[in-house]
Amino acid sequence: MLDKLGTKGIVGVVCLLAGIGIVAVKAPIVAAGLAFVVAGMGLVASGLAEGVMKMFGMA
């Protein structure tokens, strides 16, 4: 999976986790909510990408 992300993707994941960690220090409930929102956005983006790929006959 790391080879598919590339350098920018790995830096993005590290920044995302660091940001959620910083929020979790002060407000763990808010950090959990942010984590769910980010995971949901990832699932939506994945679903959209898969739908577009099927539309073009690539999946």
Protein backbone atom coordinates (compact mmCIF):
# COMPACT_ATOMS: atom_id res chain seq x y z
CA MET A 1 0.00 0.00 0.00
CA LEU A 2 2.81 2.43 0.78
CA ASP A 3 4.20 2.12 -2.75
CA LYS A 4 0.82 3.20 -4.17
CA LEU A 5 0.62 6.30 -1.95
CA GLY A 6 3.93 7.83 -2.91
CA THR A 7 5.85 10.38 -0.89
CA LYS A 8 3.09 13.01 -0.83
CA GLY A 9 0.54 10.43 0.27
CA ILE A 10 2.72 9.19 3.13
CA VAL A 11 3.36 12.77 4.30
CA GLY A 12 -0.38 13.42 4.10
CA VAL A 13 -1.19 10.39 6.25
CA VAL A 14 1.44 11.41 8.81
CA CYS A 15 0.03 14.96 8.96
CA LEU A 16 -3.49 13.60 9.31
CA LEU A 17 -2.53 11.33 12.18
CA ALA A 18 -0.51 14.07 13.86
CA GLY A 19 -3.43 16.47 13.64
CA ILE A 20 -5.87 13.98 15.14
CA GLY A 21 -3.30 13.22 17.85
CA ILE A 22 -2.95 16.90 18.74
CA VAL A 23 -6.73 17.27 19.00
CA ALA A 24 -6.96 14.06 21.05
CA VAL A 25 -4.67 15.52 23.73
CA LYS A 26 -7.24 18.23 24.52
CA ALA A 27 -10.55 16.66 23.43
CA PRO A 28 -10.62 12.88 22.85
CA ILE A 29 -14.31 12.82 21.87
CA VAL A 30 -13.77 15.49 19.21
CA ALA A 31 -10.75 13.59 17.91
CA ALA A 32 -12.83 10.42 17.60
CA GLY A 33 -15.44 12.36 15.65
CA LEU A 34 -12.80 13.79 13.35
CA ALA A 35 -11.39 10.32 12.76
CA PHE A 36 -14.84 9.04 11.76
CA VAL A 37 -15.36 11.99 9.41
CA VAL A 38 -12.00 11.42 7.73
CA ALA A 39 -12.66 7.68 7.39
CA GLY A 40 -16.09 8.39 5.92
CA MET A 41 -14.67 10.83 3.40
CA GLY A 42 -12.11 8.23 2.38
CA LEU A 43 -14.82 5.62 1.85
CA VAL A 44 -16.91 8.05 -0.21
CA ALA A 45 -13.92 8.97 -2.37
CA SER A 46 -13.10 5.31 -2.86
CA GLY A 47 -16.67 4.55 -3.87
CA LEU A 48 -16.74 7.43 -6.33
CA ALA A 49 -13.43 6.39 -7.88
CA GLU A 50 -14.63 2.79 -8.21
CA GLY A 51 -17.89 3.96 -9.84
CA VAL A 52 -16.04 6.11 -12.37
CA MET A 53 -13.66 3.27 -13.17
CA LYS A 54 -16.62 0.90 -13.75
CA MET A 55 -18.25 3.50 -15.97
CA PHE A 56 -15.17 3.54 -18.19
CA GLY A 57 -14.90 -0.25 -18.09
CA MET A 58 -11.66 -0.37 -16.08
CA ALA A 59 -12.93 -2.30 -13.06
